[in-house]
Protein backbone atom coordinates (compact mmCIF):
# COMPACT_ATOMS: atom_id res chain seq x y z
CA MET A 1 -24.96 -14.82 -22.47
CA GLY A 2 -23.09 -11.60 -21.91
CA GLY A 3 -21.66 -9.13 -19.46
CA GLU A 4 -18.75 -9.66 -17.11
CA THR A 5 -18.01 -12.57 -14.84
CA GLY A 6 -19.22 -12.56 -11.26
CA THR A 7 -19.84 -9.70 -8.89
CA VAL A 8 -18.59 -6.44 -10.33
CA GLY A 9 -18.37 -4.50 -7.08
CA ARG A 10 -20.83 -1.93 -5.85
CA ILE A 11 -23.42 -1.21 -8.52
CA TYR A 12 -25.87 1.66 -8.58
CA ALA A 13 -29.16 1.68 -10.41
CA ALA A 14 -29.10 4.59 -12.82
CA ARG A 15 -31.64 7.27 -11.96
CA LEU A 16 -33.19 7.44 -15.41
CA ARG A 17 -36.79 7.45 -16.53
CA HIS A 18 -38.13 3.87 -16.26
CA ALA A 19 -34.70 2.90 -14.93
CA TYR A 20 -35.96 0.19 -12.63
CA HIS A 21 -38.18 -1.75 -15.01
CA LEU A 22 -37.83 -3.13 -18.52
CA SER A 23 -41.26 -2.10 -19.72
CA LYS A 24 -42.96 -2.07 -23.10
CA ASP A 25 -42.85 1.71 -23.00
CA THR A 26 -40.14 2.80 -25.43
CA SER A 27 -39.68 6.20 -23.82
CA GLY A 28 -36.56 6.96 -21.82
CA VAL A 29 -33.21 5.34 -22.43
CA ASP A 30 -33.36 1.83 -23.87
CA ASP A 31 -30.77 -0.95 -23.74
CA PRO A 32 -28.90 -1.07 -27.08
CA SER A 33 -27.00 -4.20 -26.04
CA MET A 34 -30.21 -6.24 -25.93
CA PRO A 35 -32.95 -5.32 -28.45
CA LYS A 36 -36.44 -5.95 -27.16
CA GLU A 37 -37.13 -8.64 -29.74
CA ARG A 38 -34.14 -10.62 -28.40
CA ARG A 39 -34.61 -9.89 -24.72
CA PRO A 40 -35.50 -13.08 -22.84
CA LYS A 41 -38.43 -13.12 -20.44
CA LEU A 42 -36.35 -14.78 -17.76
CA ALA A 43 -32.68 -14.45 -16.91
CA LEU A 44 -30.23 -16.37 -14.77
CA VAL A 45 -27.97 -13.92 -12.95
CA TYR A 46 -25.50 -14.01 -10.09
CA SER A 47 -27.31 -13.54 -6.81
CA GLY A 48 -24.33 -11.58 -5.51
CA ASP A 49 -24.70 -9.06 -8.32
CA LEU A 50 -28.32 -8.45 -7.40
CA LEU A 51 -27.40 -7.98 -3.74
CA SER A 52 -24.66 -5.48 -4.62
CA MET A 53 -27.04 -3.03 -6.29
CA GLU A 54 -27.91 0.16 -4.48
CA GLU A 55 -30.12 3.15 -5.12
CA LYS A 56 -28.69 6.34 -3.66
CA ASP A 57 -30.89 9.06 -2.25
CA PRO A 58 -30.16 12.10 -4.48
CA LYS A 59 -30.46 14.37 -1.42
CA GLY A 60 -28.19 12.21 0.68
CA ILE A 61 -30.68 12.02 3.54
CA ARG A 62 -31.60 8.35 3.48
CA PRO A 63 -29.06 5.53 3.36
CA PRO A 64 -28.70 3.64 0.07
CA THR A 65 -31.27 0.93 -0.52
CA ASN A 66 -31.37 -2.10 -2.76
CA PRO A 67 -34.03 -1.46 -5.44
CA LEU A 68 -34.37 -5.20 -5.94
CA GLU A 69 -35.12 -6.17 -2.32
CA LYS A 70 -38.72 -6.99 -3.19
CA LEU A 71 -37.85 -8.60 -6.49
CA ASP A 72 -39.78 -11.79 -7.28
CA LEU A 73 -36.98 -14.26 -7.90
CA VAL A 74 -36.28 -17.92 -7.28
CA VAL A 75 -33.16 -20.02 -6.78
CA GLY A 76 -31.65 -20.64 -10.19
CA ASP A 77 -29.18 -23.31 -9.08
CA SER A 78 -31.97 -25.87 -8.69
CA LEU A 79 -32.71 -25.83 -12.43
CA LEU A 80 -29.11 -26.54 -13.38
CA ILE A 81 -28.68 -29.15 -10.63
CA ALA A 82 -31.83 -30.97 -11.71
CA LEU A 83 -30.91 -30.99 -15.41
CA ARG A 84 -27.38 -32.22 -14.65
CA GLY A 85 -28.83 -34.99 -12.51
CA VAL A 86 -31.20 -35.90 -15.32
CA VAL A 87 -28.31 -36.31 -17.77
CA SER A 88 -26.53 -38.66 -15.37
CA ALA A 89 -29.71 -40.63 -14.67
CA THR A 90 -30.19 -41.41 -18.36
CA TYR A 91 -27.05 -43.54 -18.44
CA ALA A 92 -28.82 -46.61 -17.12
CA ARG A 93 -26.70 -49.61 -16.27
CA GLU A 94 -29.62 -51.98 -16.66
CA THR A 95 -32.22 -51.83 -19.40
CA SER A 96 -34.83 -54.30 -18.22
CA LEU A 97 -38.42 -53.07 -18.11
CA VAL A 98 -38.27 -52.70 -14.33
CA ALA A 99 -34.91 -50.89 -14.45
CA LEU A 100 -36.10 -48.46 -17.12
CA GLU A 101 -39.23 -47.70 -15.07
CA LYS A 102 -36.98 -46.89 -12.10
CA THR A 103 -34.84 -44.64 -14.31
CA LEU A 104 -37.89 -42.71 -15.49
CA GLY A 105 -39.08 -42.44 -11.89
CA GLU A 106 -35.73 -40.97 -10.84
CA ILE A 107 -35.83 -38.50 -13.74
CA ARG A 108 -39.35 -37.50 -12.70
CA ARG A 109 -38.21 -36.94 -9.11
CA LEU A 110 -35.29 -34.78 -10.24
CA ALA A 111 -37.55 -32.70 -12.47
CA ILE A 112 -40.09 -32.15 -9.69
CA ASP A 113 -37.35 -31.09 -7.27
CA GLY A 114 -35.97 -28.64 -9.82
CA LEU A 115 -39.40 -27.12 -10.48
CA ARG A 116 -40.28 -26.45 -6.84
CA GLY A 117 -41.35 -22.86 -6.38
CA MET A 118 -41.26 -22.19 -10.13
CA GLY A 119 -45.02 -21.77 -10.62
CA GLY A 120 -44.84 -18.05 -11.30
CA MET A 121 -41.90 -18.44 -13.67
CA LEU A 122 -43.70 -21.21 -15.56
CA ALA A 123 -46.67 -18.89 -15.95
CA THR A 124 -44.39 -16.16 -17.33
CA LEU A 125 -43.39 -18.52 -20.14
CA ARG A 126 -46.99 -19.73 -20.51
CA LEU A 127 -45.99 -23.23 -19.49
CA LYS A 128 -48.37 -25.50 -17.64
CA ARG A 129 -48.12 -25.14 -13.89
CA LEU A 130 -48.37 -28.10 -11.57
CA GLY A 131 -51.00 -28.14 -8.86
CA PRO A 132 -50.04 -27.56 -5.19
CA GLY A 133 -50.57 -31.22 -4.40
CA GLU A 134 -48.26 -32.31 -7.21
CA LEU A 135 -45.50 -29.81 -6.58
CA PRO A 136 -45.30 -28.56 -2.97
CA ASP A 137 -43.06 -25.57 -2.41
CA ASP A 138 -39.86 -26.06 -0.45
CA GLU A 139 -39.71 -23.04 1.84
CA SER A 140 -36.46 -24.00 3.56
CA PRO A 141 -33.70 -21.36 3.19
CA LYS A 142 -30.99 -22.14 0.65
CA VAL A 143 -27.56 -20.76 -0.09
CA HIS A 144 -27.41 -20.25 -3.83
CA LYS A 145 -25.14 -18.84 -6.49
CA PHE A 146 -27.71 -17.91 -9.15
CA SER A 147 -31.16 -16.37 -9.22
CA LEU A 148 -33.88 -16.73 -11.83
CA VAL A 149 -35.68 -13.43 -12.38
CA ARG A 150 -38.07 -11.79 -14.83
CA THR A 151 -36.15 -9.39 -17.04
CA ARG A 152 -38.99 -6.85 -16.90
CA ASP A 153 -38.20 -6.41 -13.19
CA LEU A 154 -34.52 -5.69 -13.70
CA PRO A 155 -33.00 -2.18 -13.88
CA ARG A 156 -32.53 -1.02 -17.43
CA ARG A 157 -29.19 0.65 -16.80
CA LEU A 158 -26.59 0.49 -14.04
CA ARG A 159 -23.58 2.50 -12.98
CA VAL A 160 -20.60 0.72 -11.51
CA GLU A 161 -18.90 2.49 -8.63
CA GLY A 162 -16.02 4.53 -9.95
CA GLU A 163 -17.53 4.94 -13.42
CA ALA A 164 -19.09 8.19 -14.53
CA LYS A 165 -21.77 6.87 -16.87
CA ALA A 166 -24.45 4.25 -16.56
CA ARG A 167 -24.35 1.29 -18.90
CA PRO A 168 -27.02 -1.23 -19.98
CA PHE A 169 -27.76 -3.95 -17.43
CA PHE A 170 -27.13 -6.79 -19.89
CA GLU A 171 -23.74 -5.28 -20.76
CA ILE A 172 -22.49 -5.16 -17.16
CA ILE A 173 -23.97 -8.23 -15.50
CA LYS A 174 -23.17 -11.80 -16.49
CA TRP A 175 -26.44 -13.46 -17.44
CA ALA A 176 -27.92 -16.40 -19.29
CA ASP A 177 -31.36 -16.91 -20.79
CA GLY A 178 -33.43 -18.53 -18.06
CA GLY A 179 -36.13 -19.74 -20.42
CA PRO A 180 -34.42 -22.83 -21.93
CA PRO A 181 -33.58 -24.56 -18.60
CA LEU A 182 -37.09 -24.05 -17.24
CA THR A 183 -38.76 -25.07 -20.50
CA ALA A 184 -36.56 -28.15 -20.85
CA LEU A 185 -37.20 -29.34 -17.31
CA ARG A 186 -40.95 -28.89 -17.70
CA LYS A 187 -40.90 -30.86 -20.96
CA ILE A 188 -38.76 -33.58 -19.38
CA LEU A 189 -41.30 -33.96 -16.58
CA SER A 190 -44.07 -34.34 -19.16
CA LEU A 191 -42.07 -36.96 -21.07
CA THR A 192 -41.89 -39.15 -17.98
CA PHE A 193 -45.70 -39.30 -17.91
CA GLY A 194 -46.07 -40.45 -21.51
CA GLU A 195 -47.55 -43.77 -22.61
CA LEU A 196 -44.36 -45.73 -22.02
CA VAL A 197 -45.65 -49.28 -21.76
CA THR A 198 -42.91 -51.00 -23.77
CA ARG A 199 -39.16 -51.11 -23.35
CA LYS A 200 -38.71 -49.57 -26.76
CA ALA A 201 -40.89 -46.58 -25.85
CA GLN A 202 -39.07 -46.14 -22.55
CA VAL A 203 -35.62 -46.27 -24.15
CA LYS A 204 -36.62 -43.72 -26.78
CA ALA A 205 -38.06 -41.39 -24.12
CA ILE A 206 -34.91 -41.64 -21.99
CA TRP A 207 -32.70 -40.93 -25.00
CA GLU A 208 -34.83 -37.89 -25.94
CA ILE A 209 -34.61 -36.65 -22.35
CA ARG A 210 -30.82 -37.01 -22.38
CA LYS A 211 -30.51 -35.12 -25.65
CA LEU A 212 -32.80 -32.30 -24.49
CA ALA A 213 -31.03 -31.88 -21.13
CA ALA A 214 -27.56 -31.97 -22.72
CA GLU A 215 -28.50 -29.45 -25.42
CA THR A 216 -29.83 -27.12 -22.73
CA LEU A 217 -26.81 -27.36 -20.44
CA ALA A 218 -23.96 -27.35 -22.95
CA PRO A 219 -24.12 -23.55 -23.54
CA VAL A 220 -23.88 -22.93 -19.76
CA ASN A 221 -21.20 -25.46 -18.85
CA ASP A 222 -19.17 -22.74 -17.15
CA TRP A 223 -22.15 -22.03 -14.89
CA LEU A 224 -22.23 -25.72 -13.90
CA GLU A 225 -18.59 -25.56 -12.86
CA GLU A 226 -19.35 -22.57 -10.64
CA ILE A 227 -21.61 -24.77 -8.51
CA ASP A 228 -19.24 -27.75 -8.61
CA LEU A 229 -21.10 -29.73 -11.25
CA GLU A 230 -19.41 -31.62 -14.06
CA PRO A 231 -19.87 -30.09 -17.54
CA VAL A 232 -21.90 -32.06 -20.04
CA ALA A 233 -21.01 -33.27 -23.51
CA MET A 234 -23.46 -33.57 -26.34
CA PRO A 235 -24.51 -37.16 -27.16
CA THR A 236 -22.79 -38.42 -30.28
CA ARG A 237 -24.90 -41.56 -30.78
CA GLN A 238 -28.34 -41.11 -32.31
CA TYR A 239 -31.41 -43.10 -31.40
CA ASP A 240 -31.73 -45.85 -33.98
CA GLU A 241 -34.37 -48.55 -34.23
CA ASP A 242 -31.64 -50.86 -35.62
CA ASP A 243 -30.15 -51.00 -32.13
CA TRP A 244 -32.97 -53.32 -31.23
CA GLU A 245 -32.26 -55.66 -34.10
CA ASP A 246 -28.52 -55.82 -33.32
CA ASP A 247 -28.89 -56.33 -29.56
CA PRO A 248 -32.44 -55.99 -28.19
CA GLU A 249 -31.30 -56.54 -24.61
CA HIS A 250 -28.74 -53.72 -24.61
CA PRO A 251 -29.79 -50.76 -26.79
CA GLN A 252 -26.57 -48.93 -27.59
CA CYS A 253 -28.06 -45.44 -27.50
CA LEU A 254 -28.32 -45.67 -23.69
CA GLU A 255 -24.85 -47.11 -23.17
CA GLU A 256 -22.90 -44.22 -24.68
CA ARG A 257 -20.58 -42.45 -22.27
């Protein structure tokens, strides 16, 4: 994660060769703050920052336009909301077979809600897409803080109003790698469809889901707070088969707080 926090005022896309796309072409001015081998395919960015960008007409005839108006982006908040809900859902109060099945069902529902409209982004990461019948798009308008966008579609360099020189996009705008949240949520959904016919298998799956979701969210805890979600802590208890020998009715790995 890098850049500054929040909207940085009026931002202008630098009029440089290949300024509006992060392409494989190495000509023009590259972004030294983010080498290509480290550049993520997806990025979480502030929606307000994207809306504040303008491209000025060099002749001053046309009014400024937003070069990202037709950008293919999706609501990023839903990924973080879903993963935070998943973490909470794993702290099951009851661990009977029926209760654990309900917990996995709730986790599945949260994952599906978080992945709505993400088909194109899943394809970008070469992750398996869900069919239209399994994952209907929610086309209702949403107010959101963050957007998930392909980095190849972002301007390479920007100039902040009042500054003379353009600077790399990843140096100016606060961002986070959008790949881990999407990958984690897709894996979590798959885990809920595993062969979980015993309580032991269900408990292990739920613990693995908790660990994966927490590991994904911990680096972006400050982003959670921006959308009024409680930060997460990494689990300190490991999954241990001995839990079942000590107290088979109440496996301790799911009771940790």
